[in-house]
Each structure stands twice: as C-alpha cells, then as structure tokens.
Amino acid sequence: MISFRRTGSVVTVAINRPEVRNAVNQETARRLLEELKAFDSDPGLNVAILHGKGGNFCAGYDLKELANHTGPSKLEQDVTKGPGPMGPSRLQLSKPLIAAVSGFAVAGGLELALLADLRVVEESAVMGVFCRRFGVPLIDGGTVRLPRLIGLSRALDLILTGRPVGAQEALAYGLANRVVPDGQALQAALELAEQISSFPQQCLRADRASAMYGCYDAPSFTQAMQYEIDHGIPVIQAEAVAGALKFTSGVGRGGKYS
C-alpha cells in the first residue's frame, strides 16, 4: 500500500493502490502517517516527496470502505490526540514535503497535496473538492490550508462548487508551484528536493518555521516578527558566518547557487 525509497537525504513516499486511483483506506492512512513521522524524526533526511503510483496522486478516502463500514468506527475529534482520516494530515512537519501530482488529486487527495510545502503538478492533472457531490466534508485540513494558500474567495469557489481545477489554473492560483509535462512530476520533484537539500538546513528550517508560524499561529504581526528574530539569531553563529565567508570568497555571487 505504501512504498518508500531513500536517496541520500531525500526520501520518496508512494501511495501504491492504483486499482482505486490511490484512494486511502485505514491501513494506508496508518502507513502514510508512520512514514512521514519517521522522515521528520530522521536527522539524515532533509526533504520528503509524496506521490502516487500508476498515474494518479490520490482520489481521496476509499468510499467503499466507508460505505461497507469497514473503516474506523470513531474518528478522533481532538486533533491533538490522533491522526486525521487520511493519516498525516494533522502533522506539522519540521522539514519540507513536496507533492508530485499526477492524474487525480481530489477530495482527501487534495488535502494530502495541501499538506506539502510545494506541489509539482503534471499538465493533465486534475485537482478539486470532488467529495462535495457525495456529502463528505473536508476534515483533513482542506478548509484550513486551502484559504491560506490561495485566498478565501478562490478557496470558496473550489469548496462550494466541487469543480475540477486543471494544472494551469492551479498554477495561476498558487495551488501548483511548478507545472511539468505528463510523466515528469516525480523527476522534477526529485530535482527540486535535491536543490533544497543542498542548502544549509538549520537556516532553511528556521525560515520555514517562521513562515508557517506567521501564516497559521501568530496572533499578531509583532509576535510573528519576534518569532522570526528569536529563531533566526541562533542560526547566525551556526551557519550564517560560514555562509558569509563563502560569499566573500566569491561563492554564490551573481545569483549562482553552486
């Protein structure tokens, strides 16, 4: 149901249920949660990639399991005490996650894509709140993350209508970060992950954490600014001094990364 591959400091996690367009059942959700928690706690890993085998990212929760009452009989309503139905949706990861999106990323599958920091989307991919037509609510962070990502007006358009969104519209909205030819999302995500992994990681994670705090948790501008300085100062001695020395020696000038 879930497979993973480790390449240096990057791990690729794949949903492997192509016969149901990678719809997630209870066991798949459990394994997804395990793999992403393992990634977050592994000091040797810097970036994770989530994708789906067989041409689709994820078609959401397995409604056949729900209809047959073989899924979890009671969902944990306290989000601090248990996982979401899709597995890792309630996590607040400390390291970057990239979604490589092909085919359908809809309903709970869209919510998994929203968990990622970045989304690399193939040209023919389709995203959307398809669960609208079946009376299944977004309970894996969709109503929380989507408005912050693309704005309330656009988010409500997708949430209320359940309409499909193609790759180019997703890119214009900011729902997709990169659009690539079909069949190339995973490779493009790997290249992006390797680039991100090559940077000084303590600084990168401090800036990422500050951006996340400012977006989701900060009660005021002042407290967001305070969080930024409090988490940035320790990095100066740890990484910034060495980086400044590299710059003065000519490394990275002219906008070059290497």
Protein backbone atom coordinates (compact mmCIF):
# COMPACT_ATOMS: atom_id res chain seq x y z
CA MET A 1 0.00 0.00 0.00
CA ILE A 2 2.88 2.35 0.79
CA SER A 3 6.41 2.13 -0.54
CA PHE A 4 9.40 4.35 0.09
CA ARG A 5 12.83 4.92 -1.39
CA ARG A 6 15.69 6.76 0.21
CA THR A 7 18.20 8.59 -1.99
CA GLY A 8 20.80 10.41 0.07
CA SER A 9 18.99 12.99 2.19
CA VAL A 10 15.73 12.71 0.21
CA VAL A 11 13.00 10.12 0.81
CA THR A 12 10.22 9.33 -1.66
CA VAL A 13 6.95 8.02 -0.22
CA ALA A 14 4.48 6.46 -2.67
CA ILE A 15 0.82 5.53 -2.31
CA ASN A 16 0.51 2.21 -4.13
CA ARG A 17 -3.18 1.40 -4.66
CA PRO A 18 -3.50 2.12 -8.39
CA GLU A 19 -6.57 -0.10 -8.74
CA VAL A 20 -8.58 2.50 -6.75
CA ARG A 21 -6.70 5.58 -8.03
CA ASN A 22 -4.69 5.51 -4.81
CA ALA A 23 -7.70 6.12 -2.60
CA VAL A 24 -6.63 5.84 1.03
CA ASN A 25 -8.10 3.26 3.39
CA GLN A 26 -7.45 2.88 7.11
CA GLU A 27 -4.27 0.84 6.70
CA THR A 28 -2.85 3.14 4.03
CA ALA A 29 -3.54 6.15 6.25
CA ARG A 30 -1.71 4.48 9.13
CA ARG A 31 1.32 3.71 6.96
CA LEU A 32 1.43 7.21 5.50
CA LEU A 33 1.46 8.66 8.99
CA GLU A 34 4.25 6.30 10.06
CA GLU A 35 6.46 7.11 7.07
CA LEU A 36 6.13 10.89 7.38
CA LYS A 37 6.71 10.82 11.13
CA ALA A 38 9.80 8.68 10.52
CA PHE A 39 11.03 11.20 7.94
CA ASP A 40 10.51 14.12 10.31
CA SER A 41 12.48 12.46 13.10
CA ASP A 42 15.36 11.17 10.94
CA PRO A 43 18.36 13.55 11.16
CA GLY A 44 19.75 12.15 7.92
CA LEU A 45 16.75 13.21 5.83
CA ASN A 46 16.11 16.78 4.68
CA VAL A 47 13.22 16.58 2.21
CA ALA A 48 10.38 14.13 1.52
CA ILE A 49 8.38 13.64 -1.67
CA LEU A 50 4.85 12.23 -1.69
CA HIS A 51 3.40 10.79 -4.89
CA GLY A 52 1.04 8.13 -6.20
CA LYS A 53 1.86 5.05 -8.26
CA GLY A 54 0.10 4.24 -11.50
CA GLY A 55 -0.75 7.68 -12.81
CA ASN A 56 -2.83 9.21 -10.01
CA PHE A 57 -1.76 11.09 -6.90
CA CYS A 58 -4.75 10.23 -4.70
CA ALA A 59 -8.52 10.11 -5.24
CA GLY A 60 -9.29 10.75 -1.58
CA TYR A 61 -10.56 8.39 1.09
CA ASP A 62 -11.75 4.96 -0.02
CA LEU A 63 -15.52 5.47 -0.03
CA LYS A 64 -16.11 1.72 -0.50
CA GLU A 65 -14.56 1.15 2.91
CA LEU A 66 -16.71 3.91 4.35
CA ALA A 67 -19.88 2.53 2.70
CA ASN A 68 -19.15 -1.00 3.94
CA HIS A 69 -18.46 0.22 7.49
CA THR A 70 -15.04 -1.44 7.44
CA GLY A 71 -13.22 1.81 8.21
CA PRO A 72 -12.65 3.34 11.63
CA SER A 73 -15.90 3.39 13.59
CA LYS A 74 -14.97 6.54 15.52
CA LEU A 75 -12.77 9.38 14.40
CA GLU A 76 -10.62 11.17 16.96
CA GLN A 77 -12.15 14.64 17.16
CA ASP A 78 -9.38 16.13 19.30
CA VAL A 79 -6.82 16.96 16.63
CA THR A 80 -4.02 16.93 19.22
CA LYS A 81 -4.67 13.32 20.20
CA GLY A 82 -4.96 11.36 16.99
CA PRO A 83 -4.42 11.32 13.23
CA GLY A 84 -6.85 12.51 10.59
CA PRO A 85 -8.72 10.04 8.37
CA MET A 86 -6.12 10.44 5.60
CA GLY A 87 -3.29 9.75 8.07
CA PRO A 88 -0.68 12.53 8.26
CA SER A 89 -2.98 15.49 7.62
CA ARG A 90 -2.73 16.82 11.19
CA LEU A 91 1.06 16.78 11.24
CA GLN A 92 3.08 19.96 11.42
CA LEU A 93 6.29 18.79 9.82
CA SER A 94 9.58 20.46 10.65
CA LYS A 95 11.11 19.75 7.22
CA PRO A 96 9.92 20.33 3.64
CA LEU A 97 7.49 17.97 1.92
CA ILE A 98 6.93 18.10 -1.85
CA ALA A 99 3.88 16.59 -3.56
CA ALA A 100 4.48 15.21 -7.07
CA VAL A 101 0.97 15.33 -8.52
CA SER A 102 -0.24 13.31 -11.49
CA GLY A 103 -3.76 12.36 -12.52
CA PHE A 104 -6.34 12.99 -9.82
CA ALA A 105 -5.58 14.81 -6.55
CA VAL A 106 -9.11 15.26 -5.32
CA ALA A 107 -11.13 15.31 -2.09
CA GLY A 108 -8.85 13.90 0.63
CA GLY A 109 -6.14 13.58 -2.02
CA LEU A 110 -6.23 17.34 -2.46
CA GLU A 111 -5.92 17.66 1.30
CA LEU A 112 -2.78 15.48 1.23
CA ALA A 113 -1.35 17.70 -1.51
CA LEU A 114 -2.11 20.76 0.64
CA LEU A 115 -0.06 19.21 3.46
CA ALA A 116 3.01 19.62 1.24
CA ASP A 117 5.11 22.78 1.15
CA LEU A 118 5.33 22.65 -2.65
CA ARG A 119 3.32 20.93 -5.38
CA VAL A 120 4.85 19.86 -8.70
CA VAL A 121 1.87 19.18 -10.98
CA GLU A 122 1.67 17.41 -14.33
CA GLU A 123 -0.11 19.13 -17.23
CA SER A 124 -3.08 16.74 -17.30
CA ALA A 125 -3.54 16.57 -13.52
CA VAL A 126 -6.91 17.44 -12.01
CA MET A 127 -7.43 18.83 -8.53
CA GLY A 128 -10.66 19.60 -6.72
CA VAL A 129 -13.06 19.10 -3.83
CA PHE A 130 -14.84 16.19 -5.53
CA CYS A 131 -16.22 14.97 -2.20
CA ARG A 132 -18.75 17.84 -2.46
CA ARG A 133 -21.03 15.70 -4.62
CA PHE A 134 -21.09 12.83 -2.10
CA GLY A 135 -21.74 14.80 1.07
CA VAL A 136 -18.31 14.04 2.55
CA PRO A 137 -16.82 17.06 4.37
CA LEU A 138 -13.22 18.23 4.33
CA ILE A 139 -11.86 17.05 7.68
CA ASP A 140 -8.17 16.67 6.82
CA GLY A 141 -7.21 20.33 6.81
CA GLY A 142 -8.71 21.35 3.48
CA THR A 143 -10.77 24.23 4.87
CA VAL A 144 -7.76 25.41 6.90
CA ARG A 145 -4.91 25.18 4.40
CA LEU A 146 -6.65 25.99 1.11
CA PRO A 147 -7.81 29.55 2.03
CA ARG A 148 -4.36 30.38 3.39
CA LEU A 149 -2.74 29.06 0.26
CA ILE A 150 -4.90 30.67 -2.44
CA GLY A 151 -7.13 33.15 -0.57
CA LEU A 152 -10.66 32.82 0.76
CA SER A 153 -12.54 33.80 -2.41
CA ARG A 154 -10.79 31.28 -4.63
CA ALA A 155 -10.90 28.62 -1.93
CA LEU A 156 -14.66 29.04 -1.54
CA ASP A 157 -15.09 28.73 -5.31
CA LEU A 158 -13.49 25.29 -5.13
CA ILE A 159 -15.06 24.25 -1.83
CA LEU A 160 -18.64 25.25 -2.69
CA THR A 161 -18.74 24.02 -6.29
CA GLY A 162 -16.51 20.95 -6.13
CA ARG A 163 -15.41 21.75 -9.68
CA PRO A 164 -12.26 20.36 -11.30
CA VAL A 165 -9.16 22.55 -11.50
CA GLY A 166 -6.57 21.93 -14.19
CA ALA A 167 -2.84 22.41 -13.85
CA GLN A 168 -2.61 25.85 -15.44
CA GLU A 169 -5.42 27.28 -13.33
CA ALA A 170 -3.82 25.70 -10.26
CA LEU A 171 -0.55 27.41 -11.18
CA ALA A 172 -2.28 30.78 -11.60
CA TYR A 173 -3.93 30.34 -8.19
CA GLY A 174 -0.72 29.32 -6.43
CA LEU A 175 -2.13 25.86 -5.80
CA ALA A 176 0.61 24.45 -8.05
CA ASN A 177 4.20 25.69 -7.76
CA ARG A 178 5.50 24.04 -10.94
CA VAL A 179 3.72 22.55 -13.96
CA VAL A 180 5.62 19.90 -15.89
CA PRO A 181 4.86 17.57 -18.81
CA ASP A 182 2.99 14.38 -18.03
CA GLY A 183 5.16 11.67 -16.56
CA GLN A 184 7.77 14.12 -15.23
CA ALA A 185 6.37 15.26 -11.87
CA LEU A 186 8.36 12.80 -9.79
CA GLN A 187 11.66 13.54 -11.51
CA ALA A 188 11.08 17.29 -11.28
CA ALA A 189 10.20 16.92 -7.60
CA LEU A 190 13.39 14.93 -7.01
CA GLU A 191 15.50 17.64 -8.63
CA LEU A 192 13.76 20.30 -6.56
CA ALA A 193 14.23 18.24 -3.38
CA GLU A 194 17.94 17.80 -4.08
CA GLN A 195 18.33 21.55 -4.59
CA ILE A 196 16.54 22.32 -1.32
CA SER A 197 18.53 19.64 0.48
CA SER A 198 21.82 21.18 -0.67
CA PHE A 199 21.26 24.41 1.27
CA PRO A 200 22.31 24.99 4.92
CA GLN A 201 19.49 23.21 6.70
CA GLN A 202 19.30 24.94 10.08
CA CYS A 203 18.76 28.30 8.39
CA LEU A 204 16.29 26.86 5.89
CA ARG A 205 14.21 25.21 8.61
CA ALA A 206 14.24 28.32 10.79
CA ASP A 207 12.92 30.45 7.92
CA ARG A 208 10.35 27.80 7.01
CA ALA A 209 9.15 27.55 10.62
CA SER A 210 8.86 31.33 10.86
CA ALA A 211 6.80 31.50 7.66
CA MET A 212 4.50 28.73 8.94
CA TYR A 213 4.10 30.42 12.32
CA GLY A 214 3.29 33.76 10.72
CA CYS A 215 0.71 32.14 8.44
CA TYR A 216 -1.05 29.81 10.87
CA ASP A 217 -0.29 30.54 14.51
CA ALA A 218 0.87 34.11 15.12
CA PRO A 219 -1.79 36.23 16.89
CA SER A 220 -0.20 39.48 15.74
CA PHE A 221 2.38 40.97 13.39
CA THR A 222 4.61 41.86 16.34
CA GLN A 223 4.63 38.31 17.67
CA ALA A 224 5.38 36.95 14.21
CA MET A 225 8.35 39.32 13.96
CA GLN A 226 9.51 38.29 17.42
CA TYR A 227 9.33 34.62 16.48
CA GLU A 228 11.40 35.33 13.37
CA ILE A 229 14.22 37.06 15.26
CA ASP A 230 14.19 34.58 18.14
CA HIS A 231 14.64 31.66 15.75
CA GLY A 232 16.95 33.46 13.36
CA ILE A 233 19.58 34.71 15.80
CA PRO A 234 20.87 31.22 16.78
CA VAL A 235 21.38 30.41 13.10
CA ILE A 236 23.73 33.34 12.57
CA GLN A 237 26.54 31.73 14.54
CA ALA A 238 25.66 28.22 13.45
CA GLU A 239 25.52 28.79 9.68
CA ALA A 240 25.41 32.43 8.58
CA VAL A 241 29.02 33.28 9.47
CA ALA A 242 30.31 30.36 7.41
CA GLY A 243 27.98 31.41 4.59
CA ALA A 244 29.27 34.97 4.69
CA LEU A 245 32.84 33.70 4.46
CA LYS A 246 31.88 31.66 1.38
CA PHE A 247 30.33 34.77 -0.18
CA THR A 248 33.42 36.90 0.43
CA SER A 249 35.49 34.22 -1.29
CA GLY A 250 33.31 34.55 -4.39
CA VAL A 251 30.94 31.60 -3.95
CA GLY A 252 27.33 32.33 -4.89
CA ARG A 253 27.87 35.74 -6.44
CA GLY A 254 25.73 36.71 -9.39
CA GLY A 255 22.80 34.64 -8.14
CA LYS A 256 24.52 31.31 -8.71
CA TYR A 257 23.56 28.52 -6.31
CA SER A 258 26.70 26.45 -6.73
